[in-house]
Amino acid sequence: MNPRHWLRWKLVERFLLFLFGILLGCLLFLGIRLQAAASKPVDAFFVLGGSIRREMYVAEQIAKTPKIPVLISHGSLDPCIWLIFQREQASMQKVWLEHCANSTFENFYFGVPILKRWKVHKVKLITSATHLPRAKWMAQILFGAQGIWVEMDIAKETGVPANQESAIKTSLDVVRSLGWAIAGQFIQPDCTDIIPLAEVDMATWRKTGFKCEHQGNLDDSE
């Protein structure tokens, strides 16, 4: 082999070994962070939109543990969520509604940076059984890449939520999540459409009118 070629390959080999060492070190460090986070108490609820039952479920949880912050990603209409929390006598002071997401991937795309800014170490993800395993895999990849431990919690459904699962959709979202797990280390999307639940203008909503999912058992004029 030409000495120049041999030297070039040696340099490439050493560079690849260097990159591998950095990657291995990062993974070990991330594993230590996740193990530490797993032993801590849950410090946030993250609700994936798609069924009013999920908001009903988290309201029941907040009625028992009002100090834990909640992020609801593209859930039911704002006044419907407000009425649910009012009915459960659950605190609205630490509940935020994010309206930027339009898909499960975007739930995480916009939600993870928000929870990271809240300095969350362990999050409880609330969804429906019909939304698994896609939501679980995406959560473990995208939260895990940020050192956030995730626990799954399933809201009971009486019907079939809007989410329709398929092997193709799951595969595509998992692959996209793996790519974003890397890109998300350098890019932090900012959702500009997020409001506190306590600031929902019920007077205006009642004037304009709104309709909630029937499973919520809500009187829209309440």
Protein backbone atom coordinates (compact mmCIF):
# COMPACT_ATOMS: atom_id res chain seq x y z
CA MET A 1 0.00 0.00 0.00
CA ASN A 2 1.13 3.49 -0.80
CA PRO A 3 2.61 5.08 2.39
CA ARG A 4 0.37 8.12 1.97
CA HIS A 5 -2.73 5.93 1.71
CA TRP A 6 -1.61 3.91 4.72
CA LEU A 7 -1.11 7.08 6.78
CA ARG A 8 -4.49 8.43 5.65
CA TRP A 9 -6.29 5.25 6.70
CA LYS A 10 -4.48 5.29 10.04
CA LEU A 11 -5.66 8.84 10.67
CA VAL A 12 -9.23 7.90 9.72
CA GLU A 13 -9.06 4.85 11.96
CA ARG A 14 -7.87 6.90 14.93
CA PHE A 15 -10.53 9.54 14.30
CA LEU A 16 -13.29 6.89 14.21
CA LEU A 17 -11.96 5.34 17.42
CA PHE A 18 -11.96 8.81 19.00
CA LEU A 19 -15.57 9.38 17.95
CA PHE A 20 -16.54 5.94 19.24
CA GLY A 21 -14.91 6.72 22.58
CA ILE A 22 -16.83 9.99 22.86
CA LEU A 23 -20.10 8.26 21.95
CA LEU A 24 -19.49 5.49 24.48
CA GLY A 25 -18.67 8.05 27.16
CA CYS A 26 -21.84 10.02 26.41
CA LEU A 27 -23.96 6.88 26.58
CA LEU A 28 -22.42 5.86 29.91
CA PHE A 29 -22.97 9.35 31.32
CA LEU A 30 -26.57 9.35 30.05
CA GLY A 31 -27.16 5.93 31.61
CA ILE A 32 -25.95 7.22 34.98
CA ARG A 33 -28.25 10.27 34.70
CA LEU A 34 -31.25 8.09 33.87
CA GLN A 35 -30.58 5.71 36.76
CA ALA A 36 -30.39 8.67 39.13
CA ALA A 37 -33.60 10.15 37.67
CA ALA A 38 -35.42 6.83 38.00
CA SER A 39 -34.96 6.85 41.77
CA LYS A 40 -36.50 10.32 42.14
CA PRO A 41 -40.21 11.13 42.57
CA VAL A 42 -42.27 12.18 39.55
CA ASP A 43 -41.94 15.95 39.12
CA ALA A 44 -44.26 16.53 36.12
CA PHE A 45 -47.24 15.04 34.28
CA PHE A 46 -47.20 15.08 30.47
CA VAL A 47 -50.57 14.45 28.80
CA LEU A 48 -50.79 13.50 25.12
CA GLY A 49 -53.90 14.94 23.48
CA GLY A 50 -56.34 12.65 21.72
CA SER A 51 -58.99 11.82 24.30
CA ILE A 52 -60.77 13.85 26.96
CA ARG A 53 -60.43 10.84 29.26
CA ARG A 54 -56.74 11.63 29.61
CA GLU A 55 -57.48 15.12 30.91
CA MET A 56 -60.11 13.69 33.25
CA TYR A 57 -57.53 11.26 34.57
CA VAL A 58 -54.81 13.85 35.16
CA ALA A 59 -57.30 16.16 36.89
CA GLU A 60 -58.06 13.32 39.34
CA GLN A 61 -54.31 12.94 39.97
CA ILE A 62 -53.79 16.68 40.51
CA ALA A 63 -56.69 16.78 42.96
CA LYS A 64 -54.51 14.47 45.10
CA THR A 65 -51.09 15.98 44.30
CA PRO A 66 -51.63 19.68 43.41
CA LYS A 67 -47.94 20.63 43.56
CA ILE A 68 -46.93 18.60 40.49
CA PRO A 69 -46.91 20.68 37.26
CA VAL A 70 -48.86 19.44 34.24
CA LEU A 71 -48.27 19.96 30.52
CA ILE A 72 -51.19 19.02 28.26
CA SER A 73 -50.06 18.80 24.64
CA HIS A 74 -52.79 19.67 22.11
CA GLY A 75 -55.60 18.28 24.22
CA SER A 76 -59.31 19.04 24.28
CA LEU A 77 -60.68 22.57 23.94
CA ASP A 78 -59.37 24.89 26.65
CA PRO A 79 -62.79 25.49 28.30
CA CYS A 80 -63.46 21.74 28.43
CA ILE A 81 -60.21 21.12 30.30
CA TRP A 82 -61.00 24.07 32.58
CA LEU A 83 -64.41 22.58 33.43
CA ILE A 84 -62.87 19.17 34.12
CA PHE A 85 -60.40 20.61 36.62
CA GLN A 86 -63.13 22.72 38.20
CA ARG A 87 -65.37 19.67 38.60
CA GLU A 88 -62.57 17.68 40.26
CA GLN A 89 -61.68 20.69 42.45
CA ALA A 90 -58.13 20.29 41.15
CA SER A 91 -55.67 23.18 41.20
CA MET A 92 -55.14 24.89 37.83
CA GLN A 93 -52.16 26.96 38.98
CA LYS A 94 -49.48 24.62 37.60
CA VAL A 95 -51.31 23.36 34.51
CA TRP A 96 -50.19 24.52 31.05
CA LEU A 97 -51.87 23.98 27.68
CA GLU A 98 -49.60 23.62 24.64
CA HIS A 99 -51.26 24.20 21.24
CA CYS A 100 -48.31 23.91 18.82
CA ALA A 101 -48.33 20.13 18.31
CA ASN A 102 -50.40 18.48 15.58
CA SER A 103 -49.11 14.90 15.87
CA THR A 104 -47.66 12.52 18.44
CA PHE A 105 -44.14 13.30 17.25
CA GLU A 106 -44.81 17.02 17.66
CA ASN A 107 -46.19 16.39 21.16
CA PHE A 108 -42.65 15.39 22.08
CA TYR A 109 -40.96 17.82 19.67
CA PHE A 110 -42.48 20.80 21.47
CA GLY A 111 -43.11 19.20 24.87
CA VAL A 112 -39.66 17.87 25.74
CA PRO A 113 -37.94 21.31 25.58
CA ILE A 114 -40.65 22.77 27.84
CA LEU A 115 -40.20 20.05 30.45
CA LYS A 116 -36.43 20.41 30.17
CA ARG A 117 -36.75 24.14 30.94
CA TRP A 118 -38.83 23.16 33.96
CA LYS A 119 -35.80 21.06 35.04
CA VAL A 120 -37.90 17.89 35.12
CA HIS A 121 -35.99 14.69 35.93
CA LYS A 122 -38.84 12.18 36.00
CA VAL A 123 -42.07 12.56 34.05
CA LYS A 124 -45.29 10.58 34.09
CA LEU A 125 -46.69 10.26 30.56
CA ILE A 126 -50.46 9.90 30.34
CA THR A 127 -52.05 8.39 27.24
CA SER A 128 -54.43 5.55 26.28
CA ALA A 129 -53.77 1.82 25.88
CA THR A 130 -54.60 2.11 22.16
CA HIS A 131 -51.74 4.60 21.79
CA LEU A 132 -49.11 2.05 22.84
CA PRO A 133 -46.43 0.95 22.13
CA ARG A 134 -45.68 3.88 19.78
CA ALA A 135 -46.00 6.57 22.46
CA LYS A 136 -43.93 4.54 24.92
CA TRP A 137 -41.05 3.94 22.49
CA MET A 138 -41.00 7.57 21.37
CA ALA A 139 -41.07 8.77 24.98
CA GLN A 140 -38.24 6.49 26.05
CA ILE A 141 -36.10 7.63 23.12
CA LEU A 142 -36.81 11.37 23.25
CA PHE A 143 -37.01 11.83 27.02
CA GLY A 144 -34.18 9.39 27.60
CA ALA A 145 -31.90 11.32 25.22
CA GLN A 146 -32.34 14.33 27.53
CA GLY A 147 -31.69 12.35 30.71
CA ILE A 148 -35.37 12.38 31.73
CA TRP A 149 -36.83 9.15 33.08
CA VAL A 150 -40.36 8.41 31.90
CA GLU A 151 -43.15 6.38 33.50
CA MET A 152 -46.23 5.42 31.51
CA ASP A 153 -49.71 5.85 32.96
CA ILE A 154 -52.80 4.68 31.10
CA ALA A 155 -56.13 6.49 31.21
CA LYS A 156 -59.08 4.10 30.94
CA GLU A 157 -61.21 4.52 27.82
CA THR A 158 -64.83 3.56 27.24
CA GLY A 159 -64.55 3.95 23.46
CA VAL A 160 -61.77 4.18 20.87
CA PRO A 161 -59.72 7.43 20.89
CA ALA A 162 -58.94 9.26 17.67
CA ASN A 163 -55.40 7.86 17.54
CA GLN A 164 -55.13 5.07 14.97
CA GLU A 165 -52.06 2.89 15.35
CA SER A 166 -50.30 0.94 12.61
CA ALA A 167 -46.94 -0.80 12.20
CA ILE A 168 -45.91 1.66 9.49
CA LYS A 169 -46.79 4.72 11.57
CA THR A 170 -44.99 3.28 14.60
CA SER A 171 -41.85 2.42 12.60
CA LEU A 172 -41.67 5.85 10.95
CA ASP A 173 -42.13 7.69 14.24
CA VAL A 174 -39.53 5.55 16.02
CA VAL A 175 -36.97 6.17 13.25
CA ARG A 176 -37.75 9.90 13.28
CA SER A 177 -37.40 9.92 17.07
CA LEU A 178 -33.96 8.29 16.89
CA GLY A 179 -32.83 11.01 14.52
CA TRP A 180 -34.29 13.76 16.66
CA ALA A 181 -32.72 12.29 19.80
CA ILE A 182 -29.40 13.41 18.31
CA ALA A 183 -30.56 16.68 16.72
CA GLY A 184 -32.43 17.59 19.90
CA GLN A 185 -29.13 17.86 21.75
CA PHE A 186 -28.40 21.01 19.73
CA ILE A 187 -31.85 22.33 18.72
CA GLN A 188 -34.58 23.28 21.20
CA PRO A 189 -37.89 24.14 19.45
CA ASP A 190 -39.88 26.90 21.14
CA CYS A 191 -43.69 26.73 21.23
CA THR A 192 -45.18 30.22 21.26
CA ASP A 193 -48.75 29.02 21.79
CA ILE A 194 -48.82 27.85 25.41
CA ILE A 195 -51.11 29.27 28.10
CA PRO A 196 -51.80 28.59 31.80
CA LEU A 197 -55.08 26.77 32.37
CA ALA A 198 -55.95 29.29 35.09
CA GLU A 199 -55.93 32.07 32.48
CA VAL A 200 -58.49 30.51 30.13
CA ASP A 201 -61.12 33.18 29.38
CA MET A 202 -64.30 31.28 30.18
CA ALA A 203 -66.51 34.35 29.74
CA THR A 204 -65.42 34.73 26.12
CA TRP A 205 -65.69 31.01 25.45
CA ARG A 206 -69.26 30.97 26.79
CA LYS A 207 -70.18 33.88 24.52
CA THR A 208 -68.73 32.25 21.41
CA GLY A 209 -69.89 28.74 22.36
CA PHE A 210 -68.00 25.45 22.46
CA LYS A 211 -68.66 21.73 22.49
CA CYS A 212 -66.82 19.10 24.54
CA GLU A 213 -66.44 15.37 23.90
CA HIS A 214 -69.52 13.55 25.19
CA GLN A 215 -67.34 11.26 27.33
CA GLY A 216 -66.44 14.27 29.43
CA ASN A 217 -70.03 14.46 30.71
CA LEU A 218 -69.78 18.24 30.74
CA ASP A 219 -72.47 20.85 30.41
CA ASP A 220 -70.92 23.29 27.93
CA SER A 221 -72.97 26.13 29.41
CA GLU A 222 -71.87 25.25 32.96
